[in-house]
């Protein structure tokens, strides 16, 4: 990760995933509310300017948890699109159609979830997935919380060819993360600085 001077620190590569998660969580939770809101707004603006987002009709998103970038303005204001949000059921993510008028409940991890009675959405209906993460790397690998929900979902046929955008703050976009054979690379990474294509880490694409 980068230090205050912006130099990439590779010491974390010697950590296992569990240690790295704890370090990154502490770092993300230390971001001030003002900076978190400002950076989240910049991420939102970058997504709204991105051609892939503009063309997508049905989008999977998430409700912010543990300091994740807040994308709530997207689903609250882009009402011409159909929004899907996940509910944890056993080891699977079940996606439901959700609008701002629909209620939310807290799931077993304390994350906001749509009501189970709302219409379900299958992978065949999805045009784009906005993927939460603790960190992403230049190769497109993502570090999550370790429960494996997105890994399981991406292993299923109906979810393998849908474009994905990892959503993180710029300081969590790292040169390299530890990865496993089952990890799937994301297609794009979006931070407050721009939207990056994989393997072009230093140059954001024209949104």
C-alpha atoms as a PDB file:
ATOM      1  CA  UNK A   1       0.000   0.000   0.000  1.00  0.00           C
ATOM      2  CA  UNK A   2       1.088   3.608  -0.386  1.00  0.00           C
ATOM      3  CA  UNK A   3       2.610   5.597   2.449  1.00  0.00           C
ATOM      4  CA  UNK A   4       2.007   9.291   3.012  1.00  0.00           C
ATOM      5  CA  UNK A   5       4.403  10.138   0.198  1.00  0.00           C
ATOM      6  CA  UNK A   6       2.486   7.920  -2.209  1.00  0.00           C
ATOM      7  CA  UNK A   7       5.231   5.282  -2.436  1.00  0.00           C
ATOM      8  CA  UNK A   8       3.982   1.712  -2.693  1.00  0.00           C
ATOM      9  CA  UNK A   9       4.798  -0.342   0.397  1.00  0.00           C
ATOM     10  CA  UNK A  10       5.006  -4.075  -0.353  1.00  0.00           C
ATOM     11  CA  UNK A  11       5.539  -5.261   3.246  1.00  0.00           C
ATOM     12  CA  UNK A  12       1.886  -6.354   3.423  1.00  0.00           C
ATOM     13  CA  UNK A  13       2.532  -9.041   0.788  1.00  0.00           C
ATOM     14  CA  UNK A  14       4.079 -11.150   3.544  1.00  0.00           C
ATOM     15  CA  UNK A  15       0.856 -11.027   5.551  1.00  0.00           C
ATOM     16  CA  UNK A  16      -1.858 -13.621   5.218  1.00  0.00           C
ATOM     17  CA  UNK A  17      -5.330 -12.553   4.128  1.00  0.00           C
ATOM     18  CA  UNK A  18      -6.706 -12.473   7.675  1.00  0.00           C
ATOM     19  CA  UNK A  19      -3.975 -10.137   8.926  1.00  0.00           C
ATOM     20  CA  UNK A  20      -4.300  -7.936   5.881  1.00  0.00           C
ATOM     21  CA  UNK A  21      -8.076  -7.661   6.301  1.00  0.00           C
ATOM     22  CA  UNK A  22      -7.677  -6.413   9.853  1.00  0.00           C
ATOM     23  CA  UNK A  23      -5.068  -3.851   8.832  1.00  0.00           C
ATOM     24  CA  UNK A  24      -7.149  -2.547   5.939  1.00  0.00           C
ATOM     25  CA  UNK A  25     -10.313  -2.392   8.023  1.00  0.00           C
ATOM     26  CA  UNK A  26      -8.536  -0.290  10.644  1.00  0.00           C
ATOM     27  CA  UNK A  27      -7.192   1.990   7.943  1.00  0.00           C
ATOM     28  CA  UNK A  28     -10.579   2.429   6.263  1.00  0.00           C
ATOM     29  CA  UNK A  29     -12.404   3.058   9.535  1.00  0.00           C
ATOM     30  CA  UNK A  30      -9.899   5.827  10.331  1.00  0.00           C
ATOM     31  CA  UNK A  31     -11.073   7.918   7.359  1.00  0.00           C
ATOM     32  CA  UNK A  32     -12.913  10.995   8.596  1.00  0.00           C
ATOM     33  CA  UNK A  33     -16.625  11.306   7.876  1.00  0.00           C
ATOM     34  CA  UNK A  34     -15.990  14.384   5.750  1.00  0.00           C
ATOM     35  CA  UNK A  35     -13.398  12.640   3.586  1.00  0.00           C
ATOM     36  CA  UNK A  36     -15.511   9.483   3.350  1.00  0.00           C
ATOM     37  CA  UNK A  37     -18.479  11.472   2.084  1.00  0.00           C
ATOM     38  CA  UNK A  38     -16.399  13.516  -0.367  1.00  0.00           C
ATOM     39  CA  UNK A  39     -14.585  10.491  -1.798  1.00  0.00           C
ATOM     40  CA  UNK A  40     -17.837   8.532  -2.046  1.00  0.00           C
ATOM     41  CA  UNK A  41     -19.392  11.375  -4.022  1.00  0.00           C
ATOM     42  CA  UNK A  42     -16.433  11.441  -6.410  1.00  0.00           C
ATOM     43  CA  UNK A  43     -16.752   7.685  -6.958  1.00  0.00           C
ATOM     44  CA  UNK A  44     -20.459   8.121  -7.650  1.00  0.00           C
ATOM     45  CA  UNK A  45     -19.753  10.843 -10.207  1.00  0.00           C
ATOM     46  CA  UNK A  46     -17.127   8.690 -11.934  1.00  0.00           C
ATOM     47  CA  UNK A  47     -19.608   5.836 -12.252  1.00  0.00           C
ATOM     48  CA  UNK A  48     -22.355   8.070 -13.601  1.00  0.00           C
ATOM     49  CA  UNK A  49     -19.975   9.334 -16.299  1.00  0.00           C
ATOM     50  CA  UNK A  50     -18.852   5.837 -17.308  1.00  0.00           C
ATOM     51  CA  UNK A  51     -20.350   4.588 -20.570  1.00  0.00           C
ATOM     52  CA  UNK A  52     -20.809   1.029 -19.282  1.00  0.00           C
ATOM     53  CA  UNK A  53     -22.811   2.337 -16.331  1.00  0.00           C
ATOM     54  CA  UNK A  54     -24.908   4.643 -18.495  1.00  0.00           C
ATOM     55  CA  UNK A  55     -25.876   1.787 -20.820  1.00  0.00           C
ATOM     56  CA  UNK A  56     -26.667  -0.710 -18.062  1.00  0.00           C
ATOM     57  CA  UNK A  57     -30.359  -1.151 -17.286  1.00  0.00           C
ATOM     58  CA  UNK A  58     -30.199  -3.589 -14.362  1.00  0.00           C
ATOM     59  CA  UNK A  59     -27.354  -3.118 -11.882  1.00  0.00           C
ATOM     60  CA  UNK A  60     -26.247  -5.023  -8.780  1.00  0.00           C
ATOM     61  CA  UNK A  61     -25.068  -2.707  -6.021  1.00  0.00           C
ATOM     62  CA  UNK A  62     -24.564  -2.859  -2.242  1.00  0.00           C
ATOM     63  CA  UNK A  63     -25.408  -1.001   0.955  1.00  0.00           C
ATOM     64  CA  UNK A  64     -22.289   0.512   2.549  1.00  0.00           C
ATOM     65  CA  UNK A  65     -20.877  -1.380   5.542  1.00  0.00           C
ATOM     66  CA  UNK A  66     -17.763  -0.833   7.685  1.00  0.00           C
ATOM     67  CA  UNK A  67     -16.740   2.317   5.865  1.00  0.00           C
ATOM     68  CA  UNK A  68     -17.213   1.047   2.299  1.00  0.00           C
ATOM     69  CA  UNK A  69     -17.729   3.819  -0.269  1.00  0.00           C
ATOM     70  CA  UNK A  70     -21.337   4.989  -0.147  1.00  0.00           C
ATOM     71  CA  UNK A  71     -23.179   4.512  -3.467  1.00  0.00           C
ATOM     72  CA  UNK A  72     -26.667   5.232  -2.143  1.00  0.00           C
ATOM     73  CA  UNK A  73     -27.121   8.313  -4.335  1.00  0.00           C
ATOM     74  CA  UNK A  74     -26.924   6.121  -7.415  1.00  0.00           C
ATOM     75  CA  UNK A  75     -29.966   4.008  -6.558  1.00  0.00           C
ATOM     76  CA  UNK A  76     -31.809   6.956  -5.010  1.00  0.00           C
ATOM     77  CA  UNK A  77     -31.521   9.187  -8.083  1.00  0.00           C
ATOM     78  CA  UNK A  78     -31.027   6.952 -11.133  1.00  0.00           C
ATOM     79  CA  UNK A  79     -34.597   5.719 -11.016  1.00  0.00           C
ATOM     80  CA  UNK A  80     -34.762   4.790 -14.709  1.00  0.00           C
ATOM     81  CA  UNK A  81     -32.488   1.845 -13.890  1.00  0.00           C
ATOM     82  CA  UNK A  82     -33.456  -1.345 -12.104  1.00  0.00           C
ATOM     83  CA  UNK A  83     -31.429  -1.894  -8.943  1.00  0.00           C
ATOM     84  CA  UNK A  84     -30.648  -5.207  -7.289  1.00  0.00           C
ATOM     85  CA  UNK A  85     -29.281  -5.612  -3.762  1.00  0.00           C
ATOM     86  CA  UNK A  86     -28.108  -8.800  -2.043  1.00  0.00           C
ATOM     87  CA  UNK A  87     -29.470 -10.819   0.833  1.00  0.00           C
ATOM     88  CA  UNK A  88     -27.310 -13.478   2.489  1.00  0.00           C
ATOM     89  CA  UNK A  89     -28.931 -16.892   2.587  1.00  0.00           C
ATOM     90  CA  UNK A  90     -26.759 -19.762   3.808  1.00  0.00           C
ATOM     91  CA  UNK A  91     -23.618 -19.269   1.658  1.00  0.00           C
ATOM     92  CA  UNK A  92     -25.385 -17.610  -1.269  1.00  0.00           C
ATOM     93  CA  UNK A  93     -26.204 -14.058  -2.252  1.00  0.00           C
ATOM     94  CA  UNK A  94     -29.861 -13.746  -3.242  1.00  0.00           C
ATOM     95  CA  UNK A  95     -30.513 -10.601  -5.270  1.00  0.00           C
ATOM     96  CA  UNK A  96     -33.747  -8.640  -4.978  1.00  0.00           C
ATOM     97  CA  UNK A  97     -35.157  -5.697  -6.876  1.00  0.00           C
ATOM     98  CA  UNK A  98     -35.149  -2.643  -4.599  1.00  0.00           C
ATOM     99  CA  UNK A  99     -36.303   0.979  -4.804  1.00  0.00           C
ATOM    100  CA  UNK A 100     -35.955   3.774  -2.213  1.00  0.00           C
ATOM    101  CA  UNK A 101     -39.582   3.265  -1.163  1.00  0.00           C
ATOM    102  CA  UNK A 102     -38.911  -0.352  -0.128  1.00  0.00           C
ATOM    103  CA  UNK A 103     -37.945  -1.203   3.434  1.00  0.00           C
ATOM    104  CA  UNK A 104     -34.610  -2.649   4.518  1.00  0.00           C
ATOM    105  CA  UNK A 105     -33.739  -5.159   7.205  1.00  0.00           C
ATOM    106  CA  UNK A 106     -30.481  -6.048   8.932  1.00  0.00           C
ATOM    107  CA  UNK A 107     -29.014  -9.403   7.968  1.00  0.00           C
ATOM    108  CA  UNK A 108     -26.956 -11.743  10.139  1.00  0.00           C
ATOM    109  CA  UNK A 109     -23.804  -9.652   9.629  1.00  0.00           C
ATOM    110  CA  UNK A 110     -25.561  -6.402  10.467  1.00  0.00           C
ATOM    111  CA  UNK A 111     -25.598  -5.379   6.789  1.00  0.00           C
ATOM    112  CA  UNK A 112     -28.744  -3.797   5.402  1.00  0.00           C
ATOM    113  CA  UNK A 113     -30.681  -6.166   3.158  1.00  0.00           C
ATOM    114  CA  UNK A 114     -33.855  -5.959   1.058  1.00  0.00           C
ATOM    115  CA  UNK A 115     -36.913  -7.754   2.351  1.00  0.00           C
ATOM    116  CA  UNK A 116     -37.045 -11.397   1.219  1.00  0.00           C
ATOM    117  CA  UNK A 117     -40.546 -10.816  -0.206  1.00  0.00           C
ATOM    118  CA  UNK A 118     -39.258  -8.373  -2.838  1.00  0.00           C
ATOM    119  CA  UNK A 119     -38.903  -9.787  -6.392  1.00  0.00           C
ATOM    120  CA  UNK A 120     -35.748 -11.802  -6.966  1.00  0.00           C
ATOM    121  CA  UNK A 121     -33.378 -11.033  -9.848  1.00  0.00           C
ATOM    122  CA  UNK A 122     -31.264 -13.700 -11.559  1.00  0.00           C
ATOM    123  CA  UNK A 123     -27.839 -13.348 -13.125  1.00  0.00           C
ATOM    124  CA  UNK A 124     -29.379 -13.550 -16.583  1.00  0.00           C
ATOM    125  CA  UNK A 125     -31.093 -10.199 -15.956  1.00  0.00           C
ATOM    126  CA  UNK A 126     -28.006  -8.297 -14.741  1.00  0.00           C
ATOM    127  CA  UNK A 127     -26.009  -5.902 -16.941  1.00  0.00           C
ATOM    128  CA  UNK A 128     -23.397  -4.725 -14.419  1.00  0.00           C
ATOM    129  CA  UNK A 129     -22.171  -5.601 -10.905  1.00  0.00           C
ATOM    130  CA  UNK A 130     -20.729  -2.983  -8.540  1.00  0.00           C
ATOM    131  CA  UNK A 131     -18.582  -5.071  -6.214  1.00  0.00           C
ATOM    132  CA  UNK A 132     -17.625  -3.928  -2.679  1.00  0.00           C
ATOM    133  CA  UNK A 133     -14.107  -4.743  -1.480  1.00  0.00           C
ATOM    134  CA  UNK A 134     -11.548  -4.006   1.200  1.00  0.00           C
ATOM    135  CA  UNK A 135      -8.900  -3.608  -1.499  1.00  0.00           C
ATOM    136  CA  UNK A 136      -8.182  -4.426  -5.139  1.00  0.00           C
ATOM    137  CA  UNK A 137      -4.908  -4.828  -7.000  1.00  0.00           C
ATOM    138  CA  UNK A 138      -3.529  -3.942 -10.403  1.00  0.00           C
ATOM    139  CA  UNK A 139      -4.297  -7.450 -11.702  1.00  0.00           C
ATOM    140  CA  UNK A 140      -7.974  -7.103 -10.780  1.00  0.00           C
ATOM    141  CA  UNK A 141      -7.963  -9.324  -7.710  1.00  0.00           C
ATOM    142  CA  UNK A 142     -10.221  -8.325  -4.835  1.00  0.00           C
ATOM    143  CA  UNK A 143      -9.885  -8.781  -1.087  1.00  0.00           C
ATOM    144  CA  UNK A 144     -13.230  -9.149   0.678  1.00  0.00           C
ATOM    145  CA  UNK A 145     -14.225 -10.035   4.229  1.00  0.00           C
ATOM    146  CA  UNK A 146     -13.475 -13.740   3.812  1.00  0.00           C
ATOM    147  CA  UNK A 147     -17.007 -15.184   3.885  1.00  0.00           C
ATOM    148  CA  UNK A 148     -16.771 -16.137   0.210  1.00  0.00           C
ATOM    149  CA  UNK A 149     -20.208 -14.972  -0.951  1.00  0.00           C
ATOM    150  CA  UNK A 150     -18.962 -13.242  -4.102  1.00  0.00           C
ATOM    151  CA  UNK A 151     -16.519 -16.076  -4.855  1.00  0.00           C
ATOM    152  CA  UNK A 152     -19.388 -18.568  -4.759  1.00  0.00           C
ATOM    153  CA  UNK A 153     -21.583 -16.337  -6.906  1.00  0.00           C
ATOM    154  CA  UNK A 154     -18.894 -15.758  -9.543  1.00  0.00           C
ATOM    155  CA  UNK A 155     -18.294 -19.519  -9.772  1.00  0.00           C
ATOM    156  CA  UNK A 156     -21.847 -20.010 -11.090  1.00  0.00           C
ATOM    157  CA  UNK A 157     -22.391 -20.029 -14.843  1.00  0.00           C
ATOM    158  CA  UNK A 158     -25.062 -17.300 -14.952  1.00  0.00           C
ATOM    159  CA  UNK A 159     -22.744 -14.834 -13.156  1.00  0.00           C
ATOM    160  CA  UNK A 160     -19.435 -15.435 -14.909  1.00  0.00           C
ATOM    161  CA  UNK A 161     -19.760 -13.141 -17.921  1.00  0.00           C
ATOM    162  CA  UNK A 162     -21.350 -10.066 -16.321  1.00  0.00           C
ATOM    163  CA  UNK A 163     -19.086  -6.960 -16.286  1.00  0.00           C
ATOM    164  CA  UNK A 164     -17.771  -6.141 -12.811  1.00  0.00           C
ATOM    165  CA  UNK A 165     -16.468  -2.928 -11.246  1.00  0.00           C
ATOM    166  CA  UNK A 166     -14.660  -3.086  -7.905  1.00  0.00           C
ATOM    167  CA  UNK A 167     -15.510  -0.095  -5.695  1.00  0.00           C
ATOM    168  CA  UNK A 168     -12.723   1.140  -3.382  1.00  0.00           C
ATOM    169  CA  UNK A 169     -10.955   4.287  -2.250  1.00  0.00           C
ATOM    170  CA  UNK A 170      -7.752   5.092  -4.133  1.00  0.00           C
ATOM    171  CA  UNK A 171      -5.464   4.309  -1.178  1.00  0.00           C
ATOM    172  CA  UNK A 172      -6.817   0.723  -1.216  1.00  0.00           C
ATOM    173  CA  UNK A 173      -5.839   0.169  -4.855  1.00  0.00           C
ATOM    174  CA  UNK A 174      -2.636  -1.821  -4.400  1.00  0.00           C
ATOM    175  CA  UNK A 175       0.094  -3.213  -6.642  1.00  0.00           C
ATOM    176  CA  UNK A 176      -0.511  -6.803  -5.544  1.00  0.00           C
ATOM    177  CA  UNK A 177      -2.729  -8.747  -3.154  1.00  0.00           C
ATOM    178  CA  UNK A 178      -2.444 -12.358  -2.003  1.00  0.00           C
ATOM    179  CA  UNK A 179      -4.812 -14.442  -4.136  1.00  0.00           C
ATOM    180  CA  UNK A 180      -6.134 -17.986  -4.393  1.00  0.00           C
ATOM    181  CA  UNK A 181      -6.872 -20.166  -7.409  1.00  0.00           C
ATOM    182  CA  UNK A 182     -10.629 -19.584  -7.086  1.00  0.00           C
ATOM    183  CA  UNK A 183     -10.408 -15.771  -7.035  1.00  0.00           C
ATOM    184  CA  UNK A 184     -11.933 -14.122 -10.094  1.00  0.00           C
ATOM    185  CA  UNK A 185     -10.421 -10.974 -11.543  1.00  0.00           C
ATOM    186  CA  UNK A 186     -12.649  -7.903 -11.774  1.00  0.00           C
ATOM    187  CA  UNK A 187     -13.012  -6.069 -15.082  1.00  0.00           C
ATOM    188  CA  UNK A 188     -12.649  -2.511 -13.785  1.00  0.00           C
ATOM    189  CA  UNK A 189     -11.743  -0.716 -10.565  1.00  0.00           C
ATOM    190  CA  UNK A 190     -13.445   2.563  -9.612  1.00  0.00           C
ATOM    191  CA  UNK A 191     -11.931   4.958  -7.067  1.00  0.00           C
ATOM    192  CA  UNK A 192     -12.348   8.653  -6.406  1.00  0.00           C
ATOM    193  CA  UNK A 193      -9.510   9.240  -8.899  1.00  0.00           C
ATOM    194  CA  UNK A 194     -11.147   7.495 -11.844  1.00  0.00           C
ATOM    195  CA  UNK A 195     -12.055   4.151 -13.386  1.00  0.00           C
ATOM    196  CA  UNK A 196      -9.177   1.810 -14.195  1.00  0.00           C
ATOM    197  CA  UNK A 197      -9.026  -1.077 -16.601  1.00  0.00           C
ATOM    198  CA  UNK A 198      -7.190  -4.111 -15.344  1.00  0.00           C
ATOM    199  CA  UNK A 199      -3.428  -4.229 -16.048  1.00  0.00           C
ATOM    200  CA  UNK A 200      -3.419  -0.480 -16.745  1.00  0.00           C
ATOM    201  CA  UNK A 201      -3.001   0.487 -13.122  1.00  0.00           C
ATOM    202  CA  UNK A 202      -1.515   3.915 -13.521  1.00  0.00           C
ATOM    203  CA  UNK A 203      -3.928   5.278 -16.132  1.00  0.00           C
ATOM    204  CA  UNK A 204      -7.626   5.814 -15.603  1.00  0.00           C
ATOM    205  CA  UNK A 205      -9.793   5.405 -18.665  1.00  0.00           C
ATOM    206  CA  UNK A 206     -11.711   8.308 -20.100  1.00  0.00           C
ATOM    207  CA  UNK A 207     -15.054   8.227 -18.359  1.00  0.00           C
END
